[in-house]
Structures are given as C-alpha cells and as structure tokens.
Amino acid sequence: MSIDRVATNAQSQFMLDQINRANVALNQSQNQVSSGKVANDYAGYKDKVAVLEAARSAAARADAYQSATQQALTQTDLQDTQITSLSGLADQLRQALTKAAGQSDGSALMAEAQSVFDSAAQILNARDANGNYIYGGEQNNTPPFTATSLSDLSSMGSVNQAFANGSIKQGVRVGDGETVEIGHLASDLGSDLMGVLKQVSDYATANGGFGSTLTSAQTDFIGTQIGAAKTASENLNNAAAANGFTYNRLKDLSDQQDTMSTLYQGFVADIQDVDMPTAVTKLNQNQVALQAALQVTAQLKQISLLNYLGQ
C-alpha cells in the first residue's frame, strides 16, 4: 500500500491561489512605490476614471489660460511704457511750442518737432517678441504707421493717410467664453499727436518756416497748436490709464487661474498619487505575506504520514 500525504490536493491548490494573490498584490505595491501612482492604467482607478480625466482636463485648461494671460500681461506692461512715452512726447511738443511762443523765437521748433516725430513713429511701429506689429490690429505683419519723415507726413492729404493698421484690436481668451481686449491701434494712439505735427509742418512749409523772430500770425498759430498738443497728451494719458486697468484685471485673472490650476491638480493628486508611507508599509506586508504563503506551501508538499509513524 502507498503512504499518502497528509496535505490534500485541495489544500495545495488553495495555497497556490494564495501565492498568486500575494504575488499580484506585491507587484501592485511595488509599482505604486516606484511610480508614486495608484495605477499605471485606467483599470486601476476603476470608477474614479471619469473624475480623474475631468480634473486633468480642467487643470490643463486653467494652465493654458494662465499662459495666455501671462503673455497678455507682458504685452500690456510694454504698452504702458510706450503709451506713457507717447504722452510724454506730446507734452514735449507742447513745451516746445510754448517756449517758441513765449520767447517769440521759432528757430528750434522744427528740429524739436522732427525729433518728436521720429520717436513717436518708432513707438507706433513697435513689434512684439514674435516680430508682429503691436499696434497693427489684425494687420500686424505690416507697419501701421507709414510716414517715414515729418516732410513725408506733411505731403499727405490728411493724417489718416499715414495709418495703415487694421480695425480689430487684439484680445486674449482668459476663460471659457471670456475674452479681454488688450490691444491698441496705432491710429487711435497717434492721430492726435501726428495731427499737431502735420499742422505745424504744413504751416512751416507754406510760410517759409519759423525764424528767430515770430510774427504775430505765427505766434497765434502756435498758440492754437499748444492746446491741440495738450489735448493729445491728455488723451494718451487716458489710454495709458485704460491700459493699466486692463493690466490689473489680467493680473487678478492670472491669480485666479493659478488658484484653479492648483485646485484641479490637487484633485488629480488625491486620486492618482499614493500615500507613500502607507504604500511602503503595504509593500512590506505583501512581501511578508508572499514569503509566508511560499513557506507553508513548501511544507505541505513535504509532509506525509511517514512524518507521524513511530511517534
């Protein structure tokens, strides 16, 4: 007769199942500790997949809006400097006109006017980091201000002919269905100032320039342009103030977007990331469980009735 083992086939199969389960659990905990993630595929997240993807998508949108808003902040900050400079140039022209009228000496007036023109034209044709004309509207690939000199401006029938910008101001999308207008057009910013410069240049051309001693007619004309230059400066100051309001609004939106991105990323982390101390503890437990299952199974295969004979 044969000597049967004490351990039955059913017991051995049960222990093999335990080994398989312990091995699967160990592999899962090892992956979690090494990757820091609950799972490497959707199956591991079970019924949380929809929430996880929604949080990821929301975080990505918030990051995209914030990136666009940051670029808009950079542009509005640059525009603040440039528009303020244009206002300063208009005031510089006003002071030159006032000095000429006050001293009855216009000998330096046209040189001053040309200097103001050159600086203003450079600002109106300023470009961004991508090479696009900032004040060109939708036509941002060609110079929005076309006059190349004060005499060139004077040769045109009207100041409007000097502007070739589009009519649509640049905007930035800062949220779902929300767009903020950030752009300015060269014609809106420069028409008043260039209008004064053209008037002065036209008058000088028609009357032989301004000499060291102004006539009463010349003084009267300059007087009218002092007021026009002052208006140009004030309008540019208002444009700078509006630009500053836009900057502050974009800054608030950027802060909100940063908060929302952090919030959504927190949702993702809560679902996706493992609690590392807990995961390490579980890894150790699974290692012990697998080792125990292997030892018990090995012992079951070695035990038979012969172990008990003679006792």
Protein backbone atom coordinates (compact mmCIF):
# COMPACT_ATOMS: atom_id res chain seq x y z
CA MET A 1 0.00 0.00 0.00
CA SER A 2 1.12 3.61 -0.60
CA ILE A 3 1.74 6.18 2.04
CA ASP A 4 -0.48 9.25 1.19
CA ARG A 5 0.47 12.75 2.02
CA VAL A 6 -1.32 14.47 4.88
CA ALA A 7 -1.84 17.57 2.73
CA THR A 8 -4.67 17.12 0.26
CA ASN A 9 -4.73 18.34 -3.32
CA ALA A 10 -7.40 20.89 -2.36
CA GLN A 11 -5.15 22.33 0.32
CA SER A 12 -2.25 22.59 -2.10
CA GLN A 13 -4.44 24.35 -4.67
CA PHE A 14 -5.68 26.77 -2.03
CA MET A 15 -2.13 27.68 -1.08
CA LEU A 16 -1.18 28.15 -4.75
CA ASP A 17 -4.10 30.59 -5.07
CA GLN A 18 -2.82 32.44 -2.03
CA ILE A 19 0.65 32.64 -3.58
CA ASN A 20 -0.79 34.07 -6.80
CA ARG A 21 -2.84 36.68 -4.94
CA ALA A 22 0.11 37.65 -2.75
CA ASN A 23 2.30 37.95 -5.84
CA VAL A 24 -0.24 40.20 -7.61
CA ALA A 25 -0.58 42.38 -4.50
CA LEU A 26 3.21 42.58 -4.16
CA ASN A 27 3.66 43.63 -7.80
CA GLN A 28 0.97 46.31 -7.40
CA SER A 29 2.51 47.75 -4.24
CA GLN A 30 5.99 47.67 -5.83
CA ASN A 31 4.69 49.61 -8.84
CA GLN A 32 2.99 52.14 -6.55
CA VAL A 33 6.14 52.74 -4.53
CA SER A 34 8.37 53.04 -7.62
CA SER A 35 5.99 55.29 -9.62
CA GLY A 36 4.22 57.14 -6.85
CA LYS A 37 0.93 56.50 -8.67
CA VAL A 38 -2.04 54.40 -7.65
CA ALA A 39 -2.03 52.67 -11.04
CA ASN A 40 -0.44 52.87 -14.48
CA ASP A 41 -3.68 52.36 -16.42
CA TYR A 42 -7.36 53.27 -16.19
CA ALA A 43 -8.31 49.84 -14.86
CA GLY A 44 -6.50 50.62 -11.62
CA TYR A 45 -8.68 53.66 -10.95
CA LYS A 46 -11.98 51.83 -11.52
CA ASP A 47 -14.97 54.15 -11.01
CA LYS A 48 -12.72 57.21 -10.48
CA VAL A 49 -11.57 57.38 -14.12
CA ALA A 50 -14.22 59.93 -15.19
CA VAL A 51 -13.46 62.24 -12.25
CA LEU A 52 -9.71 61.91 -12.82
CA GLU A 53 -9.96 62.83 -16.51
CA ALA A 54 -12.30 65.73 -15.78
CA ALA A 55 -9.84 67.11 -13.21
CA ARG A 56 -6.91 66.67 -15.59
CA SER A 57 -8.78 68.43 -18.39
CA ALA A 58 -9.79 71.31 -16.11
CA ALA A 59 -6.21 71.71 -14.87
CA ALA A 60 -4.89 71.74 -18.45
CA ARG A 61 -7.40 74.44 -19.46
CA ALA A 62 -6.51 76.57 -16.44
CA ASP A 63 -2.80 76.26 -17.29
CA ALA A 64 -3.43 77.19 -20.94
CA TYR A 65 -5.49 80.24 -19.96
CA GLN A 66 -2.83 81.30 -17.48
CA SER A 67 -0.10 81.00 -20.11
CA ALA A 68 -2.10 83.20 -22.49
CA THR A 69 -2.84 85.67 -19.70
CA GLN A 70 0.84 85.89 -18.77
CA GLN A 71 1.71 86.77 -22.36
CA ALA A 72 -1.03 89.40 -22.35
CA LEU A 73 0.36 90.83 -19.11
CA THR A 74 3.77 91.15 -20.74
CA GLN A 75 2.25 93.00 -23.68
CA THR A 76 0.12 95.37 -21.60
CA ASP A 77 3.14 96.15 -19.43
CA LEU A 78 5.13 97.02 -22.57
CA GLN A 79 2.21 99.07 -23.91
CA ASP A 80 2.08 101.02 -20.64
CA THR A 81 5.67 102.14 -21.15
CA GLN A 82 5.12 103.01 -24.80
CA ILE A 83 1.80 104.85 -24.40
CA THR A 84 3.21 106.81 -21.47
CA SER A 85 6.19 107.70 -23.67
CA LEU A 86 3.83 108.90 -26.42
CA SER A 87 2.05 111.10 -23.90
CA GLY A 88 5.43 112.47 -22.84
CA LEU A 89 6.29 113.22 -26.47
CA ALA A 90 3.03 115.12 -26.91
CA ASP A 91 3.85 117.12 -23.81
CA GLN A 92 7.37 117.67 -25.09
CA LEU A 93 5.89 119.13 -28.28
CA ARG A 94 3.56 121.31 -26.21
CA GLN A 95 6.51 122.65 -24.24
CA ALA A 96 8.48 123.37 -27.43
CA LEU A 97 5.50 125.27 -28.86
CA THR A 98 5.01 127.15 -25.59
CA LYS A 99 8.70 128.10 -25.44
CA ALA A 100 8.69 129.30 -29.05
CA ALA A 101 5.59 131.44 -28.46
CA GLY A 102 6.84 132.75 -25.12
CA GLN A 103 10.24 133.74 -26.46
CA SER A 104 8.92 134.72 -29.90
CA ASP A 105 11.65 132.51 -31.33
CA GLY A 106 10.77 129.57 -33.57
CA SER A 107 14.27 128.76 -34.82
CA ALA A 108 14.48 125.46 -32.89
CA LEU A 109 10.84 124.46 -33.25
CA MET A 110 11.03 122.31 -36.39
CA ALA A 111 14.08 120.40 -35.15
CA GLU A 112 12.14 119.63 -31.97
CA ALA A 113 9.09 118.63 -33.98
CA GLN A 114 11.18 116.27 -36.13
CA SER A 115 12.64 114.66 -33.00
CA VAL A 116 9.17 114.10 -31.55
CA PHE A 117 8.01 112.65 -34.87
CA ASP A 118 10.91 110.18 -35.08
CA SER A 119 10.38 108.88 -31.54
CA ALA A 120 6.60 108.64 -31.91
CA ALA A 121 6.84 106.84 -35.27
CA GLN A 122 9.22 104.30 -33.75
CA ILE A 123 6.75 103.55 -30.95
CA LEU A 124 3.75 103.28 -33.28
CA ASN A 125 5.67 100.74 -35.36
CA ALA A 126 6.94 98.76 -32.37
CA ARG A 127 6.98 94.96 -32.65
CA ASP A 128 6.49 92.17 -30.13
CA ALA A 129 8.84 89.24 -29.50
CA ASN A 130 7.33 87.38 -32.46
CA GLY A 131 8.01 90.23 -34.87
CA ASN A 132 4.35 91.31 -35.12
CA TYR A 133 3.45 94.99 -35.06
CA ILE A 134 1.85 95.63 -31.67
CA TYR A 135 -0.46 98.42 -32.84
CA GLY A 136 -1.40 96.96 -36.21
CA GLY A 137 -4.63 95.24 -35.14
CA GLU A 138 -5.42 92.26 -37.36
CA GLN A 139 -2.94 93.61 -39.94
CA ASN A 140 0.04 93.00 -37.71
CA ASN A 141 2.52 91.98 -40.42
CA THR A 142 2.91 95.44 -41.98
CA PRO A 143 3.91 98.77 -40.37
CA PRO A 144 0.78 100.51 -39.08
CA PHE A 145 2.35 103.96 -39.47
CA THR A 146 3.68 104.61 -42.95
CA ALA A 147 5.12 108.14 -42.88
CA THR A 148 8.90 107.99 -42.81
CA SER A 149 9.62 111.63 -42.01
CA LEU A 150 7.88 114.81 -40.96
CA SER A 151 8.05 116.13 -44.53
CA ASP A 152 6.55 112.82 -45.74
CA LEU A 153 3.68 113.30 -43.29
CA SER A 154 3.23 116.87 -44.47
CA SER A 155 2.94 115.75 -48.09
CA MET A 156 -0.11 113.61 -47.33
CA GLY A 157 -3.61 114.96 -47.81
CA SER A 158 -4.65 114.09 -44.25
CA VAL A 159 -3.06 112.50 -41.21
CA ASN A 160 -5.33 109.47 -41.66
CA GLN A 161 -3.41 108.52 -44.78
CA ALA A 162 -0.35 107.87 -42.64
CA PHE A 163 -2.02 104.97 -40.82
CA ALA A 164 -2.38 101.51 -42.35
CA ASN A 165 -3.40 99.48 -39.28
CA GLY A 166 -6.43 97.23 -39.15
CA SER A 167 -9.60 97.89 -37.17
CA ILE A 168 -9.74 94.88 -34.84
CA LYS A 169 -7.96 95.26 -31.52
CA GLN A 170 -6.08 92.29 -30.15
CA GLY A 171 -7.79 90.24 -27.45
CA VAL A 172 -6.85 87.29 -25.25
CA ARG A 173 -9.08 84.43 -24.14
CA VAL A 174 -8.81 84.17 -20.36
CA GLY A 175 -11.57 81.67 -19.65
CA ASP A 176 -14.40 79.67 -21.13
CA GLY A 177 -16.35 82.22 -23.17
CA GLU A 178 -14.38 85.18 -21.71
CA THR A 179 -12.08 87.39 -23.77
CA VAL A 180 -10.26 90.55 -22.66
CA GLU A 181 -9.36 93.24 -25.19
CA ILE A 182 -5.72 94.20 -24.68
CA GLY A 183 -4.64 95.81 -27.96
CA HIS A 184 -4.49 99.40 -29.13
CA LEU A 185 -4.44 100.68 -32.70
CA ALA A 186 -1.75 103.00 -34.00
CA SER A 187 -4.38 105.33 -35.45
CA ASP A 188 -6.13 105.63 -32.09
CA LEU A 189 -2.92 106.42 -30.26
CA GLY A 190 -1.09 108.55 -32.81
CA SER A 191 -3.69 110.53 -34.75
CA ASP A 192 -3.87 113.49 -32.35
CA LEU A 193 -0.12 113.84 -31.92
CA MET A 194 0.66 113.33 -35.61
CA GLY A 195 -2.15 115.73 -36.43
CA VAL A 196 -0.42 118.50 -34.48
CA LEU A 197 2.92 117.69 -36.07
CA LYS A 198 1.36 117.79 -39.54
CA GLN A 199 -0.31 121.12 -38.84
CA VAL A 200 2.99 122.61 -37.68
CA SER A 201 4.90 121.16 -40.64
CA ASP A 202 2.26 122.25 -43.15
CA TYR A 203 2.29 125.80 -41.76
CA ALA A 204 6.09 125.97 -41.83
CA THR A 205 6.17 124.71 -45.42
CA ALA A 206 3.56 127.22 -46.54
CA ASN A 207 5.14 130.17 -44.76
CA GLY A 208 8.84 129.64 -45.15
CA GLY A 209 9.43 128.12 -41.73
CA PHE A 210 9.74 129.73 -38.30
CA GLY A 211 12.50 132.29 -37.85
CA SER A 212 14.27 133.61 -34.80
CA THR A 213 11.62 136.29 -34.54
CA LEU A 214 7.99 135.16 -34.84
CA THR A 215 5.33 137.27 -36.44
CA SER A 216 2.05 137.81 -34.67
CA ALA A 217 0.36 135.43 -37.11
CA GLN A 218 2.93 132.75 -36.37
CA THR A 219 2.51 133.30 -32.64
CA ASP A 220 -1.27 133.00 -32.95
CA PHE A 221 -0.94 129.78 -34.95
CA ILE A 222 1.45 128.26 -32.42
CA GLY A 223 -0.99 129.22 -29.67
CA THR A 224 -3.71 127.08 -31.24
CA GLN A 225 -1.32 124.12 -31.54
CA ILE A 226 -0.32 124.36 -27.89
CA GLY A 227 -3.90 123.48 -26.96
CA ALA A 228 -4.01 120.67 -29.52
CA ALA A 229 -0.76 119.19 -28.18
CA LYS A 230 -2.12 119.36 -24.65
CA THR A 231 -5.28 117.51 -25.74
CA ALA A 232 -3.14 114.86 -27.46
CA SER A 233 -1.15 114.34 -24.26
CA GLU A 234 -4.30 114.09 -22.12
CA ASN A 235 -5.89 111.57 -24.49
CA LEU A 236 -2.77 109.44 -24.38
CA ASN A 237 -2.77 109.65 -20.59
CA ASN A 238 -6.33 108.32 -20.65
CA ALA A 239 -5.24 105.49 -22.96
CA ALA A 240 -2.41 104.65 -20.55
CA ALA A 241 -4.88 104.61 -17.65
CA ALA A 242 -7.21 102.26 -19.55
CA ASN A 243 -4.25 100.03 -20.36
CA GLY A 244 -3.32 100.00 -16.67
CA PHE A 245 -6.87 98.96 -15.75
CA THR A 246 -6.60 96.09 -18.23
CA TYR A 247 -3.26 95.06 -16.72
CA ASN A 248 -4.75 94.94 -13.22
CA ARG A 249 -7.69 92.90 -14.45
CA LEU A 250 -5.37 90.43 -16.17
CA LYS A 251 -3.27 90.18 -13.00
CA ASP A 252 -6.36 89.27 -10.97
CA LEU A 253 -7.39 86.72 -13.59
CA SER A 254 -3.91 85.21 -13.59
CA ASP A 255 -4.05 84.79 -9.82
CA GLN A 256 -7.48 83.14 -10.12
CA GLN A 257 -6.22 80.82 -12.85
CA ASP A 258 -3.24 79.85 -10.72
CA THR A 259 -5.56 79.05 -7.82
CA MET A 260 -7.86 76.96 -10.01
CA SER A 261 -4.92 75.10 -11.55
CA THR A 262 -3.60 74.25 -8.08
CA LEU A 263 -7.07 73.14 -7.00
CA TYR A 264 -7.58 70.86 -10.02
CA GLN A 265 -4.08 69.45 -9.74
CA GLY A 266 -4.90 68.69 -6.10
CA PHE A 267 -7.96 66.74 -7.26
CA VAL A 268 -5.75 64.77 -9.65
CA ALA A 269 -3.16 64.09 -6.95
CA ASP A 270 -5.81 62.91 -4.48
CA ILE A 271 -6.95 60.28 -6.98
CA GLN A 272 -3.70 59.46 -8.74
CA ASP A 273 -0.91 59.77 -6.19
CA VAL A 274 -0.31 57.21 -3.47
CA ASP A 275 0.28 57.93 0.20
CA MET A 276 3.94 56.87 0.18
CA PRO A 277 4.28 55.85 3.88
CA THR A 278 1.16 53.72 3.56
CA ALA A 279 2.35 52.26 0.25
CA VAL A 280 5.75 51.29 1.73
CA THR A 281 4.06 49.67 4.73
CA LYS A 282 1.75 47.76 2.41
CA LEU A 283 4.73 46.67 0.29
CA ASN A 284 6.44 45.21 3.36
CA GLN A 285 3.22 43.47 4.39
CA ASN A 286 2.77 41.97 0.92
CA GLN A 287 6.37 40.74 0.91
CA VAL A 288 5.83 39.01 4.25
CA ALA A 289 2.51 37.54 3.07
CA LEU A 290 4.07 36.11 -0.09
CA GLN A 291 7.01 34.66 1.82
CA ALA A 292 4.69 33.04 4.34
CA ALA A 293 2.49 31.55 1.60
CA LEU A 294 5.56 30.10 -0.14
CA GLN A 295 6.89 28.58 3.07
CA VAL A 296 3.56 26.98 4.02
CA THR A 297 3.13 25.56 0.52
CA ALA A 298 6.63 24.10 0.59
CA GLN A 299 5.97 22.49 3.93
CA LEU A 300 2.66 20.99 2.76
CA LYS A 301 4.42 19.26 -0.14
CA GLN A 302 6.96 17.69 2.22
CA ILE A 303 4.58 16.40 4.91
CA SER A 304 3.25 12.75 4.64
CA LEU A 305 2.03 10.03 7.04
CA LEU A 306 5.62 8.87 7.36
CA ASN A 307 6.29 12.01 9.41
CA TYR A 308 3.95 10.66 12.10
CA LEU A 309 4.89 6.94 12.12
CA GLY A 310 6.83 5.83 15.13
CA GLN A 311 5.72 8.78 17.29
